[in-house]
């Protein structure tokens, strides 16, 4: 039984519940180690992330709650550091390194907001070539450990968030496969674990986790490490379907 979940969000960023509500739910679910990992401050898009002035408050509150509940659970204070965030990570127990945007001619294009945004970005910046956009995404992902000094690689293939609802590209296309394999090879060499992230399932976007089963198999066969993460944004999604996917790690 997996008793650790290190990827979760609270009302400090885009989560629905407070840090203590999340911790109490983690205790109820039988977790032994639980990490809060608020979205790092991104100066170019503050709609979803922790606000810069609130980060010291977040750290202080999580530290206080960790002490309060130490007899029931080990609570860690983490951060999900976006590739383009400039906020320092020194004050956190651990870092999840994630890519939520690609930067195109000075524009930060989110890869997980809507298919229309991705389609428009492909038209505007890549001559309508969605596979060129995917390649740019994976070039960025390949550098996420170097850039963020992370302890965990977050949702490796986030760009496929909408692939089941509206397939913008074919994940079996040779160009797409070459792009993710190149990124995976570079990241596997760092020895930093990839998360198997069940967050898109709990929120109804997908029926399978990040990364895809094909990518998980590739990571495993090439010596990469994997951990389970729920990417919980509410108390109900903590450790979501860990029992189903435990065998994968």
C-alpha atoms as a PDB file:
ATOM      1  CA  UNK A   1       0.000   0.000   0.000  1.00  0.00           C
ATOM      2  CA  UNK A   2       1.342   3.421  -0.986  1.00  0.00           C
ATOM      3  CA  UNK A   3       1.296   5.733   2.033  1.00  0.00           C
ATOM      4  CA  UNK A   4       2.994   8.787   0.524  1.00  0.00           C
ATOM      5  CA  UNK A   5       1.558  11.523  -1.709  1.00  0.00           C
ATOM      6  CA  UNK A   6       3.692  14.580  -2.456  1.00  0.00           C
ATOM      7  CA  UNK A   7       1.732  16.490  -5.104  1.00  0.00           C
ATOM      8  CA  UNK A   8      -1.217  18.568  -3.909  1.00  0.00           C
ATOM      9  CA  UNK A   9      -2.632  22.082  -4.050  1.00  0.00           C
ATOM     10  CA  UNK A  10      -4.588  24.210  -1.607  1.00  0.00           C
ATOM     11  CA  UNK A  11      -6.411  27.523  -1.452  1.00  0.00           C
ATOM     12  CA  UNK A  12      -3.005  29.210  -1.582  1.00  0.00           C
ATOM     13  CA  UNK A  13      -3.096  28.539  -5.330  1.00  0.00           C
ATOM     14  CA  UNK A  14      -5.764  26.791  -7.406  1.00  0.00           C
ATOM     15  CA  UNK A  15      -6.871  24.201  -4.864  1.00  0.00           C
ATOM     16  CA  UNK A  16     -10.337  24.052  -3.300  1.00  0.00           C
ATOM     17  CA  UNK A  17      -9.410  23.296   0.313  1.00  0.00           C
ATOM     18  CA  UNK A  18      -7.134  24.731   3.001  1.00  0.00           C
ATOM     19  CA  UNK A  19      -3.810  23.171   3.986  1.00  0.00           C
ATOM     20  CA  UNK A  20      -5.238  21.784   7.223  1.00  0.00           C
ATOM     21  CA  UNK A  21      -8.283  20.348   5.480  1.00  0.00           C
ATOM     22  CA  UNK A  22      -5.974  18.572   3.045  1.00  0.00           C
ATOM     23  CA  UNK A  23      -3.751  17.261   5.831  1.00  0.00           C
ATOM     24  CA  UNK A  24      -6.704  15.948   7.846  1.00  0.00           C
ATOM     25  CA  UNK A  25      -8.001  14.167   4.748  1.00  0.00           C
ATOM     26  CA  UNK A  26      -4.566  12.632   4.151  1.00  0.00           C
ATOM     27  CA  UNK A  27      -4.601  11.337   7.729  1.00  0.00           C
ATOM     28  CA  UNK A  28      -8.086   9.884   7.206  1.00  0.00           C
ATOM     29  CA  UNK A  29      -6.849   8.103   4.086  1.00  0.00           C
ATOM     30  CA  UNK A  30      -4.059   6.437   6.059  1.00  0.00           C
ATOM     31  CA  UNK A  31      -1.118   8.298   4.557  1.00  0.00           C
ATOM     32  CA  UNK A  32       2.107   8.377   6.541  1.00  0.00           C
ATOM     33  CA  UNK A  33       3.852  11.109   4.510  1.00  0.00           C
ATOM     34  CA  UNK A  34       2.005  13.952   2.840  1.00  0.00           C
ATOM     35  CA  UNK A  35       3.371  16.878   0.881  1.00  0.00           C
ATOM     36  CA  UNK A  36       1.761  20.175  -0.025  1.00  0.00           C
ATOM     37  CA  UNK A  37       3.214  21.570  -3.239  1.00  0.00           C
ATOM     38  CA  UNK A  38       1.733  24.944  -4.120  1.00  0.00           C
ATOM     39  CA  UNK A  39       2.213  26.283  -7.628  1.00  0.00           C
ATOM     40  CA  UNK A  40       5.257  28.530  -7.766  1.00  0.00           C
ATOM     41  CA  UNK A  41       4.775  32.206  -8.516  1.00  0.00           C
ATOM     42  CA  UNK A  42       4.843  32.926 -12.255  1.00  0.00           C
ATOM     43  CA  UNK A  43       5.101  36.649 -12.910  1.00  0.00           C
ATOM     44  CA  UNK A  44       3.540  36.404 -16.380  1.00  0.00           C
ATOM     45  CA  UNK A  45       0.430  34.513 -15.230  1.00  0.00           C
ATOM     46  CA  UNK A  46      -0.814  34.913 -11.673  1.00  0.00           C
ATOM     47  CA  UNK A  47      -4.247  33.389 -12.237  1.00  0.00           C
ATOM     48  CA  UNK A  48      -3.495  29.951 -10.806  1.00  0.00           C
ATOM     49  CA  UNK A  49      -0.344  30.191  -8.709  1.00  0.00           C
ATOM     50  CA  UNK A  50       0.622  31.267  -5.203  1.00  0.00           C
ATOM     51  CA  UNK A  51       0.931  35.032  -5.019  1.00  0.00           C
ATOM     52  CA  UNK A  52       4.440  36.227  -4.295  1.00  0.00           C
ATOM     53  CA  UNK A  53       3.531  37.902  -0.988  1.00  0.00           C
ATOM     54  CA  UNK A  54       1.687  34.795   0.203  1.00  0.00           C
ATOM     55  CA  UNK A  55       4.529  32.314  -0.198  1.00  0.00           C
ATOM     56  CA  UNK A  56       6.177  33.079   3.187  1.00  0.00           C
ATOM     57  CA  UNK A  57       2.717  32.698   4.789  1.00  0.00           C
ATOM     58  CA  UNK A  58       2.254  29.358   3.027  1.00  0.00           C
ATOM     59  CA  UNK A  59       5.589  28.068   4.266  1.00  0.00           C
ATOM     60  CA  UNK A  60       4.917  29.247   7.827  1.00  0.00           C
ATOM     61  CA  UNK A  61       1.435  27.714   7.903  1.00  0.00           C
ATOM     62  CA  UNK A  62       2.555  24.361   6.540  1.00  0.00           C
ATOM     63  CA  UNK A  63       5.454  24.246   9.027  1.00  0.00           C
ATOM     64  CA  UNK A  64       3.049  25.019  11.870  1.00  0.00           C
ATOM     65  CA  UNK A  65       0.585  22.358  10.737  1.00  0.00           C
ATOM     66  CA  UNK A  66       3.386  19.827  10.361  1.00  0.00           C
ATOM     67  CA  UNK A  67       4.258  20.352  14.010  1.00  0.00           C
ATOM     68  CA  UNK A  68       0.611  20.255  15.066  1.00  0.00           C
ATOM     69  CA  UNK A  69      -0.063  16.918  13.370  1.00  0.00           C
ATOM     70  CA  UNK A  70       3.366  15.310  13.719  1.00  0.00           C
ATOM     71  CA  UNK A  71       2.025  12.444  15.847  1.00  0.00           C
ATOM     72  CA  UNK A  72      -0.366  11.442  13.055  1.00  0.00           C
ATOM     73  CA  UNK A  73       1.518  12.153   9.825  1.00  0.00           C
ATOM     74  CA  UNK A  74       4.752  13.573   8.424  1.00  0.00           C
ATOM     75  CA  UNK A  75       3.888  16.762   6.538  1.00  0.00           C
ATOM     76  CA  UNK A  76       6.338  18.245   4.042  1.00  0.00           C
ATOM     77  CA  UNK A  77       6.336  21.732   2.570  1.00  0.00           C
ATOM     78  CA  UNK A  78       6.975  21.529  -1.148  1.00  0.00           C
ATOM     79  CA  UNK A  79       6.515  23.569  -4.282  1.00  0.00           C
ATOM     80  CA  UNK A  80       5.566  22.768  -7.858  1.00  0.00           C
ATOM     81  CA  UNK A  81       8.130  24.891  -9.618  1.00  0.00           C
ATOM     82  CA  UNK A  82       7.150  25.890 -13.120  1.00  0.00           C
ATOM     83  CA  UNK A  83       9.997  25.884 -15.623  1.00  0.00           C
ATOM     84  CA  UNK A  84       9.649  29.630 -16.125  1.00  0.00           C
ATOM     85  CA  UNK A  85       9.183  30.600 -12.480  1.00  0.00           C
ATOM     86  CA  UNK A  86      11.882  32.835 -11.074  1.00  0.00           C
ATOM     87  CA  UNK A  87      10.911  32.460  -7.410  1.00  0.00           C
ATOM     88  CA  UNK A  88      13.675  30.744  -5.353  1.00  0.00           C
ATOM     89  CA  UNK A  89      13.041  27.255  -3.992  1.00  0.00           C
ATOM     90  CA  UNK A  90      15.460  27.345  -1.050  1.00  0.00           C
ATOM     91  CA  UNK A  91      12.726  27.436   1.603  1.00  0.00           C
ATOM     92  CA  UNK A  92      10.982  24.217   0.565  1.00  0.00           C
ATOM     93  CA  UNK A  93      11.515  20.590   1.542  1.00  0.00           C
ATOM     94  CA  UNK A  94      11.298  19.370  -2.039  1.00  0.00           C
ATOM     95  CA  UNK A  95      10.591  20.585  -5.571  1.00  0.00           C
ATOM     96  CA  UNK A  96       8.369  19.178  -8.296  1.00  0.00           C
ATOM     97  CA  UNK A  97       9.627  20.451 -11.634  1.00  0.00           C
ATOM     98  CA  UNK A  98       6.891  21.012 -14.205  1.00  0.00           C
ATOM     99  CA  UNK A  99       6.375  22.595 -17.600  1.00  0.00           C
ATOM    100  CA  UNK A 100       3.003  24.316 -17.985  1.00  0.00           C
ATOM    101  CA  UNK A 101       3.996  26.683 -20.836  1.00  0.00           C
ATOM    102  CA  UNK A 102       6.124  26.903 -23.913  1.00  0.00           C
ATOM    103  CA  UNK A 103       7.699  30.236 -24.735  1.00  0.00           C
ATOM    104  CA  UNK A 104       7.215  31.359 -28.320  1.00  0.00           C
ATOM    105  CA  UNK A 105       8.539  34.726 -29.514  1.00  0.00           C
ATOM    106  CA  UNK A 106       8.235  36.109 -26.014  1.00  0.00           C
ATOM    107  CA  UNK A 107       4.710  34.722 -25.498  1.00  0.00           C
ATOM    108  CA  UNK A 108       4.050  32.181 -22.751  1.00  0.00           C
ATOM    109  CA  UNK A 109       1.625  29.637 -24.185  1.00  0.00           C
ATOM    110  CA  UNK A 110      -0.113  27.381 -21.633  1.00  0.00           C
ATOM    111  CA  UNK A 111      -0.257  23.755 -22.711  1.00  0.00           C
ATOM    112  CA  UNK A 112      -2.981  22.648 -20.295  1.00  0.00           C
ATOM    113  CA  UNK A 113      -5.744  25.243 -20.613  1.00  0.00           C
ATOM    114  CA  UNK A 114      -7.590  24.312 -23.796  1.00  0.00           C
ATOM    115  CA  UNK A 115      -7.200  22.617 -27.183  1.00  0.00           C
ATOM    116  CA  UNK A 116      -8.069  25.920 -28.865  1.00  0.00           C
ATOM    117  CA  UNK A 117      -5.066  27.630 -27.282  1.00  0.00           C
ATOM    118  CA  UNK A 118      -2.752  24.899 -28.551  1.00  0.00           C
ATOM    119  CA  UNK A 119      -4.272  24.977 -32.013  1.00  0.00           C
ATOM    120  CA  UNK A 120      -3.959  28.778 -32.197  1.00  0.00           C
ATOM    121  CA  UNK A 121      -0.345  28.635 -30.976  1.00  0.00           C
ATOM    122  CA  UNK A 122       0.521  26.061 -33.619  1.00  0.00           C
ATOM    123  CA  UNK A 123      -0.973  28.319 -36.294  1.00  0.00           C
ATOM    124  CA  UNK A 124       0.684  31.477 -34.977  1.00  0.00           C
ATOM    125  CA  UNK A 125       4.155  30.203 -34.131  1.00  0.00           C
ATOM    126  CA  UNK A 126       4.674  26.928 -36.006  1.00  0.00           C
ATOM    127  CA  UNK A 127       2.904  27.418 -39.342  1.00  0.00           C
ATOM    128  CA  UNK A 128       0.069  25.173 -38.264  1.00  0.00           C
ATOM    129  CA  UNK A 129       2.422  22.279 -37.467  1.00  0.00           C
ATOM    130  CA  UNK A 130       1.161  20.835 -34.174  1.00  0.00           C
ATOM    131  CA  UNK A 131       4.037  18.337 -34.069  1.00  0.00           C
ATOM    132  CA  UNK A 132       6.555  21.196 -34.137  1.00  0.00           C
ATOM    133  CA  UNK A 133       4.728  22.663 -31.138  1.00  0.00           C
ATOM    134  CA  UNK A 134       4.911  19.295 -29.364  1.00  0.00           C
ATOM    135  CA  UNK A 135       8.618  19.087 -30.119  1.00  0.00           C
ATOM    136  CA  UNK A 136       9.135  22.511 -28.551  1.00  0.00           C
ATOM    137  CA  UNK A 137       7.227  21.384 -25.476  1.00  0.00           C
ATOM    138  CA  UNK A 138       9.394  18.285 -25.058  1.00  0.00           C
ATOM    139  CA  UNK A 139      12.591  20.257 -25.654  1.00  0.00           C
ATOM    140  CA  UNK A 140      11.543  22.368 -22.674  1.00  0.00           C
ATOM    141  CA  UNK A 141      10.578  19.338 -20.587  1.00  0.00           C
ATOM    142  CA  UNK A 142      13.943  17.732 -21.299  1.00  0.00           C
ATOM    143  CA  UNK A 143      15.600  20.641 -19.486  1.00  0.00           C
ATOM    144  CA  UNK A 144      13.284  20.768 -16.454  1.00  0.00           C
ATOM    145  CA  UNK A 145      15.658  19.045 -14.019  1.00  0.00           C
ATOM    146  CA  UNK A 146      18.564  21.256 -15.061  1.00  0.00           C
ATOM    147  CA  UNK A 147      16.421  24.386 -14.833  1.00  0.00           C
ATOM    148  CA  UNK A 148      14.535  23.734 -11.575  1.00  0.00           C
ATOM    149  CA  UNK A 149      16.873  21.336  -9.714  1.00  0.00           C
ATOM    150  CA  UNK A 150      13.732  19.375  -8.932  1.00  0.00           C
ATOM    151  CA  UNK A 151      13.378  16.211  -6.882  1.00  0.00           C
ATOM    152  CA  UNK A 152      10.384  14.939  -8.895  1.00  0.00           C
ATOM    153  CA  UNK A 153       9.505  15.365 -12.585  1.00  0.00           C
ATOM    154  CA  UNK A 154       5.879  16.511 -12.850  1.00  0.00           C
ATOM    155  CA  UNK A 155       3.312  15.242 -15.413  1.00  0.00           C
ATOM    156  CA  UNK A 156       5.812  14.537 -18.188  1.00  0.00           C
ATOM    157  CA  UNK A 157       3.274  14.546 -21.040  1.00  0.00           C
ATOM    158  CA  UNK A 158       0.942  17.293 -19.800  1.00  0.00           C
ATOM    159  CA  UNK A 159       0.462  18.414 -23.389  1.00  0.00           C
ATOM    160  CA  UNK A 160      -1.802  15.368 -23.853  1.00  0.00           C
ATOM    161  CA  UNK A 161      -4.299  16.584 -21.224  1.00  0.00           C
ATOM    162  CA  UNK A 162      -7.112  16.906 -23.781  1.00  0.00           C
ATOM    163  CA  UNK A 163      -6.087  14.085 -26.090  1.00  0.00           C
ATOM    164  CA  UNK A 164      -9.022  11.836 -25.171  1.00  0.00           C
ATOM    165  CA  UNK A 165     -11.634  14.576 -25.591  1.00  0.00           C
ATOM    166  CA  UNK A 166     -10.230  16.296 -28.653  1.00  0.00           C
ATOM    167  CA  UNK A 167      -7.241  14.599 -30.279  1.00  0.00           C
ATOM    168  CA  UNK A 168      -5.168  17.420 -31.721  1.00  0.00           C
ATOM    169  CA  UNK A 169      -2.419  15.041 -32.769  1.00  0.00           C
ATOM    170  CA  UNK A 170      -1.649  11.345 -33.046  1.00  0.00           C
ATOM    171  CA  UNK A 171       0.476  10.156 -30.103  1.00  0.00           C
ATOM    172  CA  UNK A 172       1.721   7.292 -32.322  1.00  0.00           C
ATOM    173  CA  UNK A 173       3.102   9.702 -34.933  1.00  0.00           C
ATOM    174  CA  UNK A 174       6.845   9.183 -35.364  1.00  0.00           C
ATOM    175  CA  UNK A 175       7.647  12.858 -34.807  1.00  0.00           C
ATOM    176  CA  UNK A 176       5.724  12.944 -31.542  1.00  0.00           C
ATOM    177  CA  UNK A 177       7.298   9.704 -30.340  1.00  0.00           C
ATOM    178  CA  UNK A 178      10.793  10.891 -31.217  1.00  0.00           C
ATOM    179  CA  UNK A 179      10.207  14.122 -29.281  1.00  0.00           C
ATOM    180  CA  UNK A 180       9.106  12.477 -26.049  1.00  0.00           C
ATOM    181  CA  UNK A 181      11.687   9.717 -26.246  1.00  0.00           C
ATOM    182  CA  UNK A 182      14.495  12.238 -26.608  1.00  0.00           C
ATOM    183  CA  UNK A 183      13.221  14.129 -23.556  1.00  0.00           C
ATOM    184  CA  UNK A 184      12.698  10.940 -21.557  1.00  0.00           C
ATOM    185  CA  UNK A 185      16.221   9.720 -22.309  1.00  0.00           C
ATOM    186  CA  UNK A 186      17.743  12.943 -21.048  1.00  0.00           C
ATOM    187  CA  UNK A 187      15.640  12.960 -17.896  1.00  0.00           C
ATOM    188  CA  UNK A 188      16.157   9.268 -17.119  1.00  0.00           C
ATOM    189  CA  UNK A 189      19.886   9.975 -17.073  1.00  0.00           C
ATOM    190  CA  UNK A 190      19.403  12.462 -14.217  1.00  0.00           C
ATOM    191  CA  UNK A 191      18.060   9.687 -11.927  1.00  0.00           C
ATOM    192  CA  UNK A 192      15.237  12.011 -10.825  1.00  0.00           C
ATOM    193  CA  UNK A 193      11.938  10.093 -10.547  1.00  0.00           C
ATOM    194  CA  UNK A 194       9.009  10.735 -12.862  1.00  0.00           C
ATOM    195  CA  UNK A 195       5.587  10.947 -11.262  1.00  0.00           C
ATOM    196  CA  UNK A 196       2.665   8.811 -12.338  1.00  0.00           C
ATOM    197  CA  UNK A 197       0.091  11.557 -11.931  1.00  0.00           C
ATOM    198  CA  UNK A 198      -3.590  10.666 -11.445  1.00  0.00           C
ATOM    199  CA  UNK A 199      -4.824  14.265 -11.262  1.00  0.00           C
ATOM    200  CA  UNK A 200      -6.331  14.464 -14.740  1.00  0.00           C
ATOM    201  CA  UNK A 201      -8.340  11.322 -14.019  1.00  0.00           C
ATOM    202  CA  UNK A 202      -9.777  12.696 -10.778  1.00  0.00           C
ATOM    203  CA  UNK A 203     -10.773  15.915 -12.554  1.00  0.00           C
ATOM    204  CA  UNK A 204     -12.409  14.095 -15.471  1.00  0.00           C
ATOM    205  CA  UNK A 205     -10.024  14.995 -18.295  1.00  0.00           C
ATOM    206  CA  UNK A 206      -8.513  11.561 -18.824  1.00  0.00           C
ATOM    207  CA  UNK A 207      -9.108   7.904 -18.082  1.00  0.00           C
ATOM    208  CA  UNK A 208      -5.405   7.141 -17.651  1.00  0.00           C
ATOM    209  CA  UNK A 209      -2.584   8.902 -15.800  1.00  0.00           C
ATOM    210  CA  UNK A 210       0.311  11.035 -16.936  1.00  0.00           C
ATOM    211  CA  UNK A 211       2.485   9.845 -18.503  1.00  0.00           C
ATOM    212  CA  UNK A 212       0.820   7.457 -20.926  1.00  0.00           C
ATOM    213  CA  UNK A 213       1.197   3.720 -20.408  1.00  0.00           C
ATOM    214  CA  UNK A 214       3.551   3.599 -23.384  1.00  0.00           C
ATOM    215  CA  UNK A 215       5.801   6.233 -21.839  1.00  0.00           C
ATOM    216  CA  UNK A 216       5.659   4.571 -18.418  1.00  0.00           C
ATOM    217  CA  UNK A 217       6.788   1.300 -20.009  1.00  0.00           C
ATOM    218  CA  UNK A 218       9.610   3.112 -21.812  1.00  0.00           C
ATOM    219  CA  UNK A 219      10.799   4.812 -18.627  1.00  0.00           C
ATOM    220  CA  UNK A 220      10.786   1.529 -16.723  1.00  0.00           C
ATOM    221  CA  UNK A 221      12.565  -0.424 -19.462  1.00  0.00           C
ATOM    222  CA  UNK A 222      15.287   2.235 -19.651  1.00  0.00           C
ATOM    223  CA  UNK A 223      16.024   2.286 -15.945  1.00  0.00           C
ATOM    224  CA  UNK A 224      13.964   5.307 -14.934  1.00  0.00           C
ATOM    225  CA  UNK A 225      12.318   5.735 -11.545  1.00  0.00           C
ATOM    226  CA  UNK A 226       8.613   6.310 -10.923  1.00  0.00           C
ATOM    227  CA  UNK A 227       6.484   7.464  -7.998  1.00  0.00           C
ATOM    228  CA  UNK A 228       2.733   7.939  -7.562  1.00  0.00           C
ATOM    229  CA  UNK A 229       1.295  11.446  -7.229  1.00  0.00           C
ATOM    230  CA  UNK A 230      -2.339  12.537  -7.071  1.00  0.00           C
ATOM    231  CA  UNK A 231      -1.908  16.203  -8.018  1.00  0.00           C
ATOM    232  CA  UNK A 232      -4.860  16.686  -5.672  1.00  0.00           C
ATOM    233  CA  UNK A 233      -6.751  19.970  -5.823  1.00  0.00           C
ATOM    234  CA  UNK A 234      -9.335  18.917  -3.233  1.00  0.00           C
ATOM    235  CA  UNK A 235      -9.644  16.596  -0.252  1.00  0.00           C
ATOM    236  CA  UNK A 236     -11.460  13.978  -2.307  1.00  0.00           C
ATOM    237  CA  UNK A 237      -8.627  13.442  -4.775  1.00  0.00           C
ATOM    238  CA  UNK A 238      -5.724  12.816  -2.380  1.00  0.00           C
ATOM    239  CA  UNK A 239      -4.009   9.504  -3.234  1.00  0.00           C
ATOM    240  CA  UNK A 240      -6.556   9.093  -6.027  1.00  0.00           C
ATOM    241  CA  UNK A 241      -6.566   5.551  -7.457  1.00  0.00           C
ATOM    242  CA  UNK A 242      -3.203   4.724  -5.941  1.00  0.00           C
ATOM    243  CA  UNK A 243      -4.515   1.199  -5.376  1.00  0.00           C
ATOM    244  CA  UNK A 244      -5.114   0.854  -9.113  1.00  0.00           C
ATOM    245  CA  UNK A 245      -1.719   2.094 -10.275  1.00  0.00           C
ATOM    246  CA  UNK A 246       0.531   0.910  -7.447  1.00  0.00           C
ATOM    247  CA  UNK A 247       1.740  -2.036  -9.507  1.00  0.00           C
ATOM    248  CA  UNK A 248       3.207   0.330 -12.116  1.00  0.00           C
ATOM    249  CA  UNK A 249       5.914   1.482  -9.723  1.00  0.00           C
END
